[in-house]
Amino acid sequence: MHQAFAVASLGIATFAGMDVVMKGLALELGAYNAIFWRSTFTIVLAGILYWWRSTSWPSLTVVKLHALRGLIVSIMAFLFFWGLKYLPVAEAIG
């Protein structure tokens, strides 16, 4: 029970930290550039991991589906980070 709570808390903290970092990047670089560099880093990292672990490429149909999924996720992420740019970050009141 305590381990599940710790994992959930770590997940929440990770997402909150990512929101703050991406808000700062979106304000500094713009939402488009922030998502471009985030996506570029992710593509390179995923490509290296796939190349290292796999022996063959998936079928063209699978590649097309993943490309479509990647496009949709990139659009969703851009809109999310664009929204973060304009929303204030929550502050703790103590």
N, C-alpha and C. Protein backbone atom coordinates (compact mmCIF):
# COMPACT_ATOMS: atom_id res chain seq x y z
N MET A 1 0.83 -1.20 0.00
CA MET A 1 0.00 0.00 0.00
C MET A 1 0.87 1.26 0.00
N HIS A 2 1.90 1.28 0.84
CA HIS A 2 2.78 2.45 0.92
C HIS A 2 3.59 2.62 -0.36
N GLN A 3 3.96 1.49 -0.99
CA GLN A 3 4.73 1.57 -2.23
C GLN A 3 3.88 2.18 -3.34
N ALA A 4 2.61 1.80 -3.41
CA ALA A 4 1.72 2.36 -4.43
C ALA A 4 1.57 3.86 -4.23
N PHE A 5 1.44 4.29 -2.99
CA PHE A 5 1.33 5.71 -2.70
C PHE A 5 2.60 6.45 -3.11
N ALA A 6 3.75 5.85 -2.84
CA ALA A 6 5.02 6.48 -3.21
C ALA A 6 5.17 6.59 -4.72
N VAL A 7 4.78 5.54 -5.43
CA VAL A 7 4.87 5.56 -6.90
C VAL A 7 3.92 6.60 -7.47
N ALA A 8 2.69 6.66 -6.94
CA ALA A 8 1.73 7.66 -7.42
C ALA A 8 2.23 9.07 -7.13
N SER A 9 2.80 9.28 -5.96
CA SER A 9 3.33 10.61 -5.61
C SER A 9 4.49 10.99 -6.52
N LEU A 10 5.36 10.03 -6.83
CA LEU A 10 6.47 10.29 -7.73
C LEU A 10 5.96 10.65 -9.13
N GLY A 11 4.93 9.95 -9.59
CA GLY A 11 4.35 10.26 -10.90
C GLY A 11 3.76 11.66 -10.94
N ILE A 12 3.04 12.02 -9.91
CA ILE A 12 2.45 13.36 -9.84
C ILE A 12 3.55 14.42 -9.82
N ALA A 13 4.59 14.19 -9.04
CA ALA A 13 5.70 15.15 -8.97
C ALA A 13 6.42 15.27 -10.31
N THR A 14 6.58 14.14 -11.00
CA THR A 14 7.24 14.16 -12.30
C THR A 14 6.44 14.98 -13.31
N PHE A 15 5.13 14.76 -13.35
CA PHE A 15 4.30 15.52 -14.29
C PHE A 15 4.25 17.00 -13.93
N ALA A 16 4.19 17.30 -12.64
CA ALA A 16 4.20 18.71 -12.23
C ALA A 16 5.53 19.37 -12.61
N GLY A 17 6.63 18.65 -12.41
CA GLY A 17 7.94 19.18 -12.80
C GLY A 17 8.04 19.40 -14.30
N MET A 18 7.51 18.44 -15.08
CA MET A 18 7.53 18.60 -16.53
C MET A 18 6.70 19.81 -16.95
N ASP A 19 5.56 20.02 -16.30
CA ASP A 19 4.74 21.19 -16.63
C ASP A 19 5.51 22.49 -16.39
N VAL A 20 6.22 22.57 -15.27
CA VAL A 20 6.98 23.78 -14.95
C VAL A 20 8.12 23.99 -15.95
N VAL A 21 8.85 22.91 -16.26
CA VAL A 21 9.96 23.02 -17.22
C VAL A 21 9.44 23.43 -18.59
N MET A 22 8.37 22.79 -19.06
CA MET A 22 7.84 23.11 -20.39
C MET A 22 7.22 24.50 -20.42
N LYS A 23 6.64 24.95 -19.30
CA LYS A 23 6.12 26.32 -19.26
C LYS A 23 7.27 27.30 -19.43
N GLY A 24 8.36 27.06 -18.72
CA GLY A 24 9.53 27.93 -18.85
C GLY A 24 10.09 27.92 -20.26
N LEU A 25 10.19 26.73 -20.86
CA LEU A 25 10.70 26.64 -22.23
C LEU A 25 9.75 27.30 -23.22
N ALA A 26 8.45 27.10 -23.02
CA ALA A 26 7.47 27.70 -23.93
C ALA A 26 7.52 29.23 -23.84
N LEU A 27 7.72 29.75 -22.64
CA LEU A 27 7.83 31.20 -22.49
C LEU A 27 9.13 31.72 -23.12
N GLU A 28 10.21 30.96 -22.96
CA GLU A 28 11.52 31.39 -23.45
C GLU A 28 11.66 31.18 -24.96
N LEU A 29 11.27 30.01 -25.44
CA LEU A 29 11.48 29.65 -26.85
C LEU A 29 10.23 29.75 -27.71
N GLY A 30 9.08 29.74 -27.08
CA GLY A 30 7.82 29.62 -27.80
C GLY A 30 7.36 28.17 -27.76
N ALA A 31 6.06 27.97 -27.80
CA ALA A 31 5.51 26.62 -27.69
C ALA A 31 5.96 25.74 -28.84
N TYR A 32 6.02 26.30 -30.05
CA TYR A 32 6.40 25.50 -31.22
C TYR A 32 7.82 24.98 -31.08
N ASN A 33 8.77 25.84 -30.75
CA ASN A 33 10.16 25.41 -30.62
C ASN A 33 10.35 24.44 -29.45
N ALA A 34 9.65 24.67 -28.35
CA ALA A 34 9.76 23.77 -27.20
C ALA A 34 9.29 22.37 -27.57
N ILE A 35 8.17 22.27 -28.25
CA ILE A 35 7.67 20.94 -28.64
C ILE A 35 8.53 20.34 -29.74
N PHE A 36 9.09 21.18 -30.62
CA PHE A 36 9.98 20.66 -31.66
C PHE A 36 11.19 19.98 -31.05
N TRP A 37 11.85 20.64 -30.10
CA TRP A 37 13.04 20.07 -29.48
C TRP A 37 12.70 18.87 -28.61
N ARG A 38 11.56 18.92 -27.94
CA ARG A 38 11.12 17.77 -27.14
C ARG A 38 10.89 16.57 -28.05
N SER A 39 10.19 16.78 -29.16
CA SER A 39 9.90 15.68 -30.09
C SER A 39 11.17 15.17 -30.76
N THR A 40 12.07 16.07 -31.14
CA THR A 40 13.32 15.66 -31.77
C THR A 40 14.14 14.79 -30.82
N PHE A 41 14.27 15.20 -29.58
CA PHE A 41 15.01 14.42 -28.59
C PHE A 41 14.36 13.05 -28.41
N THR A 42 13.03 13.01 -28.35
CA THR A 42 12.33 11.74 -28.16
C THR A 42 12.51 10.81 -29.35
N ILE A 43 12.43 11.35 -30.56
CA ILE A 43 12.61 10.53 -31.76
C ILE A 43 14.01 9.93 -31.81
N VAL A 44 15.01 10.74 -31.51
CA VAL A 44 16.39 10.24 -31.53
C VAL A 44 16.59 9.16 -30.46
N LEU A 45 16.12 9.42 -29.25
CA LEU A 45 16.26 8.44 -28.17
C LEU A 45 15.52 7.14 -28.49
N ALA A 46 14.27 7.25 -28.95
CA ALA A 46 13.50 6.05 -29.29
C ALA A 46 14.14 5.30 -30.45
N GLY A 47 14.67 6.03 -31.44
CA GLY A 47 15.33 5.39 -32.57
C GLY A 47 16.56 4.61 -32.15
N ILE A 48 17.36 5.20 -31.27
CA ILE A 48 18.56 4.50 -30.78
C ILE A 48 18.16 3.25 -30.00
N LEU A 49 17.18 3.37 -29.11
CA LEU A 49 16.73 2.21 -28.34
C LEU A 49 16.16 1.12 -29.24
N TYR A 50 15.38 1.51 -30.25
CA TYR A 50 14.80 0.52 -31.17
C TYR A 50 15.90 -0.16 -31.98
N TRP A 51 16.85 0.61 -32.48
CA TRP A 51 17.94 0.06 -33.27
C TRP A 51 18.78 -0.91 -32.43
N TRP A 52 18.98 -0.57 -31.16
CA TRP A 52 19.80 -1.39 -30.28
C TRP A 52 19.11 -2.71 -29.93
N ARG A 53 17.78 -2.70 -29.77
CA ARG A 53 17.05 -3.88 -29.30
C ARG A 53 16.45 -4.73 -30.40
N SER A 54 16.22 -4.19 -31.56
CA SER A 54 15.47 -4.91 -32.59
C SER A 54 16.38 -5.38 -33.73
N THR A 55 15.93 -6.43 -34.39
CA THR A 55 16.70 -6.97 -35.51
C THR A 55 16.06 -6.65 -36.85
N SER A 56 14.77 -6.39 -36.87
CA SER A 56 14.10 -6.10 -38.14
C SER A 56 13.09 -4.97 -37.97
N TRP A 57 12.80 -4.30 -39.08
CA TRP A 57 11.83 -3.21 -39.06
C TRP A 57 10.43 -3.79 -39.15
N PRO A 58 9.44 -3.12 -38.56
CA PRO A 58 8.06 -3.58 -38.69
C PRO A 58 7.55 -3.34 -40.11
N SER A 59 6.38 -3.87 -40.39
CA SER A 59 5.81 -3.71 -41.73
C SER A 59 5.48 -2.24 -42.00
N LEU A 60 5.31 -1.91 -43.27
CA LEU A 60 5.00 -0.53 -43.66
C LEU A 60 3.68 -0.07 -43.05
N THR A 61 2.71 -0.96 -42.94
CA THR A 61 1.42 -0.60 -42.33
C THR A 61 1.62 -0.17 -40.88
N VAL A 62 2.43 -0.90 -40.14
CA VAL A 62 2.69 -0.57 -38.74
C VAL A 62 3.43 0.76 -38.64
N VAL A 63 4.40 0.98 -39.52
CA VAL A 63 5.15 2.24 -39.52
C VAL A 63 4.21 3.42 -39.81
N LYS A 64 3.30 3.25 -40.76
CA LYS A 64 2.34 4.32 -41.09
C LYS A 64 1.44 4.63 -39.89
N LEU A 65 0.97 3.58 -39.21
CA LEU A 65 0.11 3.80 -38.04
C LEU A 65 0.88 4.53 -36.92
N HIS A 66 2.12 4.15 -36.71
CA HIS A 66 2.92 4.84 -35.69
C HIS A 66 3.23 6.28 -36.09
N ALA A 67 3.43 6.53 -37.37
CA ALA A 67 3.66 7.90 -37.84
C ALA A 67 2.41 8.75 -37.61
N LEU A 68 1.24 8.19 -37.90
CA LEU A 68 -0.02 8.91 -37.65
C LEU A 68 -0.20 9.17 -36.16
N ARG A 69 0.07 8.16 -35.35
CA ARG A 69 -0.02 8.31 -33.90
C ARG A 69 0.95 9.39 -33.42
N GLY A 70 2.15 9.40 -33.94
CA GLY A 70 3.14 10.41 -33.56
C GLY A 70 2.69 11.81 -33.93
N LEU A 71 2.08 11.95 -35.10
CA LEU A 71 1.57 13.26 -35.53
C LEU A 71 0.47 13.74 -34.59
N ILE A 72 -0.46 12.85 -34.26
CA ILE A 72 -1.57 13.23 -33.38
C ILE A 72 -1.04 13.59 -31.99
N VAL A 73 -0.11 12.79 -31.46
CA VAL A 73 0.45 13.08 -30.14
C VAL A 73 1.22 14.40 -30.15
N SER A 74 1.93 14.69 -31.24
CA SER A 74 2.67 15.96 -31.33
C SER A 74 1.72 17.15 -31.34
N ILE A 75 0.61 17.03 -32.05
CA ILE A 75 -0.39 18.11 -32.07
C ILE A 75 -0.98 18.30 -30.68
N MET A 76 -1.33 17.18 -30.03
CA MET A 76 -1.89 17.27 -28.68
C MET A 76 -0.89 17.90 -27.71
N ALA A 77 0.38 17.50 -27.80
CA ALA A 77 1.40 18.05 -26.91
C ALA A 77 1.60 19.54 -27.17
N PHE A 78 1.62 19.93 -28.45
CA PHE A 78 1.77 21.35 -28.78
C PHE A 78 0.64 22.16 -28.15
N LEU A 79 -0.59 21.70 -28.31
CA LEU A 79 -1.72 22.43 -27.75
C LEU A 79 -1.66 22.46 -26.22
N PHE A 80 -1.24 21.36 -25.61
CA PHE A 80 -1.11 21.32 -24.15
C PHE A 80 -0.06 22.32 -23.68
N PHE A 81 1.11 22.33 -24.31
CA PHE A 81 2.18 23.23 -23.89
C PHE A 81 1.87 24.67 -24.25
N TRP A 82 1.15 24.89 -25.32
CA TRP A 82 0.71 26.24 -25.67
C TRP A 82 -0.22 26.76 -24.58
N GLY A 83 -1.12 25.88 -24.09
CA GLY A 83 -2.00 26.26 -22.99
C GLY A 83 -1.22 26.55 -21.71
N LEU A 84 -0.18 25.73 -21.44
CA LEU A 84 0.65 25.97 -20.26
C LEU A 84 1.31 27.34 -20.31
N LYS A 85 1.63 27.77 -21.51
CA LYS A 85 2.30 29.07 -21.68
C LYS A 85 1.43 30.21 -21.15
N TYR A 86 0.13 30.07 -21.29
CA TYR A 86 -0.78 31.17 -20.93
C TYR A 86 -1.47 30.99 -19.58
N LEU A 87 -1.39 29.79 -18.99
CA LEU A 87 -2.00 29.58 -17.68
C LEU A 87 -0.96 29.79 -16.58
N PRO A 88 -1.37 30.38 -15.47
CA PRO A 88 -0.41 30.57 -14.38
C PRO A 88 -0.08 29.23 -13.71
N VAL A 89 1.14 29.12 -13.21
CA VAL A 89 1.53 27.93 -12.45
C VAL A 89 0.96 28.06 -11.05
N ALA A 90 0.40 26.97 -10.53
CA ALA A 90 -0.19 27.00 -9.18
C ALA A 90 0.89 27.27 -8.14
N GLU A 91 0.53 28.02 -7.13
CA GLU A 91 1.46 28.33 -6.06
C GLU A 91 0.88 27.84 -4.74
N ALA A 92 1.73 27.28 -3.91
CA ALA A 92 1.28 26.82 -2.59
C ALA A 92 1.13 28.03 -1.67
N ILE A 93 0.05 28.02 -0.92
CA ILE A 93 -0.20 29.10 0.05
C ILE A 93 -0.01 28.50 1.43
N GLY A 94 0.93 29.01 2.16
CA GLY A 94 1.23 28.36 3.43
C GLY A 94 1.17 29.33 4.52
